[in-house]
Amino acid sequence: MMGAEGLRAATETAILAANYIARRLAPHYPVLFSGPGGLVAHECIVDLRPLKENSEVTVDDVAKRLIDYGFHAPTMSFPVAG
């Protein structure tokens, strides 16, 4: 369907977007599983456990609020539970 060129473009876009989000959120939330230079792969895994400890705001609360603003719900509790 996408062909090799389309698949490559989709992969590059996913990696670019994940790294943009990781860089924007890193000053506020721990970003897990980053490689050399703080780069992430095609997904950005943000650790919200400290947020819950300090404010009682859960990962479910964050996901639902993102949906309220029209963002796709993130994957939760994989590969890090909580």
Foldseek 3Di string as FASTA:
>chain_A
DLPPVRVVVVQVVLQVVQQVVCVVCVVPFPWPDADPPRGDGSHTRTDCPVVCVVPVQDLVNVQVVCVVVPHHRDDACPPNHD
